[in-house]
Amino acid sequence: MKTTRLEVEGLPALEKCAWAERTRDRVRGLLGRDGLAPGEGMAFPRCNAVHTVGMQFPIDVAFLGRDGRPVKLVRAVPPGRLLVWGGFRARTTVEAAAGWIPRHGKKRRFPGTRPGTVRERKNYSFRRG
């Protein structure tokens, strides 16, 4: 599994972000871990929904659009949640330890975005590494 530094607009950088690109890595995800260190996380490309069944600890989840900007943020998802959906515009999901997403007043919406507003660009790459 490839590990890189991940920077997401408006969020602290994840110094050690594992990219679950193979099926085996995607199925296992964060299962079997006791927790994550600060600055550590896992990214799931081509993913717009997650579950926390079998997890041992709460996580923060950032759903990113094609341009790498957050379209939905969910803080402190408890273990045992069957489904957390990022919406139709979510293309990549990033999971990190609870507390990674800072508090900005609104619980589940990224500051500066409104429903239906994600800037689309021809170059859909975003910073990895």
C-alpha atoms as a PDB file:
ATOM      1  CA  MET A   1       0.000   0.000   0.000  1.00  0.00           C
ATOM      2  CA  LYS A   2       1.434   3.369  -1.040  1.00  0.00           C
ATOM      3  CA  THR A   3       1.868   5.974   1.724  1.00  0.00           C
ATOM      4  CA  THR A   4       2.160   9.700   1.003  1.00  0.00           C
ATOM      5  CA  ARG A   5       1.614  13.113   2.556  1.00  0.00           C
ATOM      6  CA  LEU A   6      -1.913  14.387   1.835  1.00  0.00           C
ATOM      7  CA  GLU A   7      -2.984  18.029   1.873  1.00  0.00           C
ATOM      8  CA  VAL A   8      -6.687  18.864   1.728  1.00  0.00           C
ATOM      9  CA  GLU A   9      -7.885  22.456   1.536  1.00  0.00           C
ATOM     10  CA  GLY A  10      -8.964  23.731   4.948  1.00  0.00           C
ATOM     11  CA  LEU A  11      -7.736  20.686   6.892  1.00  0.00           C
ATOM     12  CA  PRO A  12      -4.465  19.850   8.639  1.00  0.00           C
ATOM     13  CA  ALA A  13      -2.092  17.832   6.424  1.00  0.00           C
ATOM     14  CA  LEU A  14      -1.893  14.093   6.957  1.00  0.00           C
ATOM     15  CA  GLU A  15       1.821  13.280   7.101  1.00  0.00           C
ATOM     16  CA  LYS A  16       1.256   9.547   6.638  1.00  0.00           C
ATOM     17  CA  CYS A  17      -1.732   8.737   4.431  1.00  0.00           C
ATOM     18  CA  ALA A  18      -2.058   5.191   3.081  1.00  0.00           C
ATOM     19  CA  TRP A  19      -3.810   4.850  -0.293  1.00  0.00           C
ATOM     20  CA  ALA A  20      -6.114   1.800  -0.464  1.00  0.00           C
ATOM     21  CA  GLU A  21      -6.113   1.201  -4.203  1.00  0.00           C
ATOM     22  CA  ARG A  22      -6.127  -2.611  -4.275  1.00  0.00           C
ATOM     23  CA  THR A  23      -9.286  -4.546  -3.450  1.00  0.00           C
ATOM     24  CA  ARG A  24      -7.667  -6.310  -0.501  1.00  0.00           C
ATOM     25  CA  ASP A  25      -6.574  -2.993   1.044  1.00  0.00           C
ATOM     26  CA  ARG A  26     -10.001  -1.431   0.472  1.00  0.00           C
ATOM     27  CA  VAL A  27     -11.830  -4.334   2.119  1.00  0.00           C
ATOM     28  CA  ARG A  28      -9.576  -4.338   5.176  1.00  0.00           C
ATOM     29  CA  GLY A  29      -9.334  -0.556   5.536  1.00  0.00           C
ATOM     30  CA  LEU A  30      -8.725   0.422   9.159  1.00  0.00           C
ATOM     31  CA  LEU A  31     -10.158  -2.811  10.601  1.00  0.00           C
ATOM     32  CA  GLY A  32      -7.939  -4.520  13.131  1.00  0.00           C
ATOM     33  CA  ARG A  33      -6.249  -1.332  14.310  1.00  0.00           C
ATOM     34  CA  ASP A  34      -6.529   0.023  17.843  1.00  0.00           C
ATOM     35  CA  GLY A  35      -6.300   3.619  16.648  1.00  0.00           C
ATOM     36  CA  LEU A  36      -4.476   6.095  14.453  1.00  0.00           C
ATOM     37  CA  ALA A  37      -1.676   8.427  15.409  1.00  0.00           C
ATOM     38  CA  PRO A  38      -2.171  12.175  14.826  1.00  0.00           C
ATOM     39  CA  GLY A  39      -1.316  12.973  11.201  1.00  0.00           C
ATOM     40  CA  GLU A  40      -2.060   9.440  10.039  1.00  0.00           C
ATOM     41  CA  GLY A  41      -4.968   8.377   7.825  1.00  0.00           C
ATOM     42  CA  MET A  42      -6.193   6.308   4.903  1.00  0.00           C
ATOM     43  CA  ALA A  43      -7.564   7.418   1.525  1.00  0.00           C
ATOM     44  CA  PHE A  44      -9.960   5.420  -0.634  1.00  0.00           C
ATOM     45  CA  PRO A  45     -10.052   6.531  -4.303  1.00  0.00           C
ATOM     46  CA  ARG A  46     -13.305   5.939  -6.216  1.00  0.00           C
ATOM     47  CA  CYS A  47     -15.287   5.753  -2.967  1.00  0.00           C
ATOM     48  CA  ASN A  48     -18.243   7.848  -1.764  1.00  0.00           C
ATOM     49  CA  ALA A  49     -19.467   5.850   1.247  1.00  0.00           C
ATOM     50  CA  VAL A  50     -17.899   4.145   4.260  1.00  0.00           C
ATOM     51  CA  HIS A  51     -18.929   2.065   7.267  1.00  0.00           C
ATOM     52  CA  THR A  52     -17.393   1.630  10.708  1.00  0.00           C
ATOM     53  CA  VAL A  53     -18.675  -1.861  11.500  1.00  0.00           C
ATOM     54  CA  GLY A  54     -15.947  -3.721  13.388  1.00  0.00           C
ATOM     55  CA  MET A  55     -13.918  -0.578  14.107  1.00  0.00           C
ATOM     56  CA  GLN A  56     -12.421  -0.012  17.556  1.00  0.00           C
ATOM     57  CA  PHE A  57     -12.348   3.807  17.551  1.00  0.00           C
ATOM     58  CA  PRO A  58     -14.221   6.825  16.109  1.00  0.00           C
ATOM     59  CA  ILE A  59     -12.943   8.444  12.918  1.00  0.00           C
ATOM     60  CA  ASP A  60     -13.289  11.714  11.028  1.00  0.00           C
ATOM     61  CA  VAL A  61     -14.244  11.323   7.364  1.00  0.00           C
ATOM     62  CA  ALA A  62     -13.624  13.788   4.529  1.00  0.00           C
ATOM     63  CA  PHE A  63     -15.348  13.178   1.206  1.00  0.00           C
ATOM     64  CA  LEU A  64     -13.453  14.866  -1.642  1.00  0.00           C
ATOM     65  CA  GLY A  65     -14.741  15.857  -5.077  1.00  0.00           C
ATOM     66  CA  ARG A  66     -12.953  15.447  -8.384  1.00  0.00           C
ATOM     67  CA  ASP A  67     -10.821  18.517  -7.751  1.00  0.00           C
ATOM     68  CA  GLY A  68      -9.692  17.300  -4.327  1.00  0.00           C
ATOM     69  CA  ARG A  69     -11.766  19.802  -2.377  1.00  0.00           C
ATOM     70  CA  PRO A  70     -14.050  18.620   0.420  1.00  0.00           C
ATOM     71  CA  VAL A  71     -17.707  18.218  -0.500  1.00  0.00           C
ATOM     72  CA  LYS A  72     -18.689  16.815   2.903  1.00  0.00           C
ATOM     73  CA  LEU A  73     -16.968  16.443   6.272  1.00  0.00           C
ATOM     74  CA  VAL A  74     -18.208  14.221   9.081  1.00  0.00           C
ATOM     75  CA  ARG A  75     -16.598  14.382  12.519  1.00  0.00           C
ATOM     76  CA  ALA A  76     -16.309  11.582  15.072  1.00  0.00           C
ATOM     77  CA  VAL A  77     -18.169   8.768  13.300  1.00  0.00           C
ATOM     78  CA  PRO A  78     -18.628   6.149  16.043  1.00  0.00           C
ATOM     79  CA  PRO A  79     -17.772   2.466  15.623  1.00  0.00           C
ATOM     80  CA  GLY A  80     -20.655   0.323  14.379  1.00  0.00           C
ATOM     81  CA  ARG A  81     -22.154   2.837  11.913  1.00  0.00           C
ATOM     82  CA  LEU A  82     -23.532   0.970   8.897  1.00  0.00           C
ATOM     83  CA  LEU A  83     -23.265   3.747   6.321  1.00  0.00           C
ATOM     84  CA  VAL A  84     -21.846   7.227   5.992  1.00  0.00           C
ATOM     85  CA  TRP A  85     -22.516   8.594   2.505  1.00  0.00           C
ATOM     86  CA  GLY A  86     -20.628  11.488   0.964  1.00  0.00           C
ATOM     87  CA  GLY A  87     -23.092  12.224  -1.828  1.00  0.00           C
ATOM     88  CA  PHE A  88     -22.971  11.874  -5.585  1.00  0.00           C
ATOM     89  CA  ARG A  89     -20.112  14.368  -5.993  1.00  0.00           C
ATOM     90  CA  ALA A  90     -17.719  12.537  -3.650  1.00  0.00           C
ATOM     91  CA  ARG A  91     -14.924  10.728  -5.508  1.00  0.00           C
ATOM     92  CA  THR A  92     -12.339  10.017  -2.780  1.00  0.00           C
ATOM     93  CA  THR A  93     -12.829   9.309   0.909  1.00  0.00           C
ATOM     94  CA  VAL A  94     -10.214  10.105   3.542  1.00  0.00           C
ATOM     95  CA  GLU A  95     -10.425   8.590   7.024  1.00  0.00           C
ATOM     96  CA  ALA A  96      -8.392   9.859   9.985  1.00  0.00           C
ATOM     97  CA  ALA A  97      -8.510   9.730  13.769  1.00  0.00           C
ATOM     98  CA  ALA A  98     -11.348  11.660  15.417  1.00  0.00           C
ATOM     99  CA  GLY A  99     -10.239  15.254  15.956  1.00  0.00           C
ATOM    100  CA  TRP A 100      -8.561  15.686  12.549  1.00  0.00           C
ATOM    101  CA  ILE A 101     -11.404  17.853  11.220  1.00  0.00           C
ATOM    102  CA  PRO A 102     -11.399  21.147  13.156  1.00  0.00           C
ATOM    103  CA  ARG A 103     -14.606  22.554  14.597  1.00  0.00           C
ATOM    104  CA  HIS A 104     -15.973  25.448  12.508  1.00  0.00           C
ATOM    105  CA  GLY A 105     -19.484  25.885  13.868  1.00  0.00           C
ATOM    106  CA  LYS A 106     -21.435  23.798  11.347  1.00  0.00           C
ATOM    107  CA  LYS A 107     -21.262  20.116  12.102  1.00  0.00           C
ATOM    108  CA  ARG A 108     -21.284  18.433   8.687  1.00  0.00           C
ATOM    109  CA  ARG A 109     -20.629  21.097   6.061  1.00  0.00           C
ATOM    110  CA  PHE A 110     -17.230  22.398   4.988  1.00  0.00           C
ATOM    111  CA  PRO A 111     -16.968  26.165   5.540  1.00  0.00           C
ATOM    112  CA  GLY A 112     -17.136  28.087   2.277  1.00  0.00           C
ATOM    113  CA  THR A 113     -19.118  25.442   0.394  1.00  0.00           C
ATOM    114  CA  ARG A 114     -22.823  25.271  -0.200  1.00  0.00           C
ATOM    115  CA  PRO A 115     -24.830  22.332  -1.447  1.00  0.00           C
ATOM    116  CA  GLY A 116     -24.324  22.032  -5.198  1.00  0.00           C
ATOM    117  CA  THR A 117     -21.174  24.171  -5.362  1.00  0.00           C
ATOM    118  CA  VAL A 118     -17.978  22.347  -6.182  1.00  0.00           C
ATOM    119  CA  ARG A 119     -15.723  23.921  -8.767  1.00  0.00           C
ATOM    120  CA  GLU A 120     -15.038  21.560 -11.632  1.00  0.00           C
ATOM    121  CA  ARG A 121     -11.745  21.794 -13.496  1.00  0.00           C
ATOM    122  CA  LYS A 122     -10.412  19.939 -16.507  1.00  0.00           C
ATOM    123  CA  ASN A 123      -7.406  18.759 -14.484  1.00  0.00           C
ATOM    124  CA  TYR A 124      -8.861  16.589 -11.723  1.00  0.00           C
ATOM    125  CA  SER A 125      -5.599  15.840  -9.944  1.00  0.00           C
ATOM    126  CA  PHE A 126      -4.945  16.995  -6.419  1.00  0.00           C
ATOM    127  CA  ARG A 127      -1.890  17.022  -4.184  1.00  0.00           C
ATOM    128  CA  ARG A 128      -0.588  13.603  -3.270  1.00  0.00           C
ATOM    129  CA  GLY A 129       2.894  13.359  -1.935  1.00  0.00           C
END
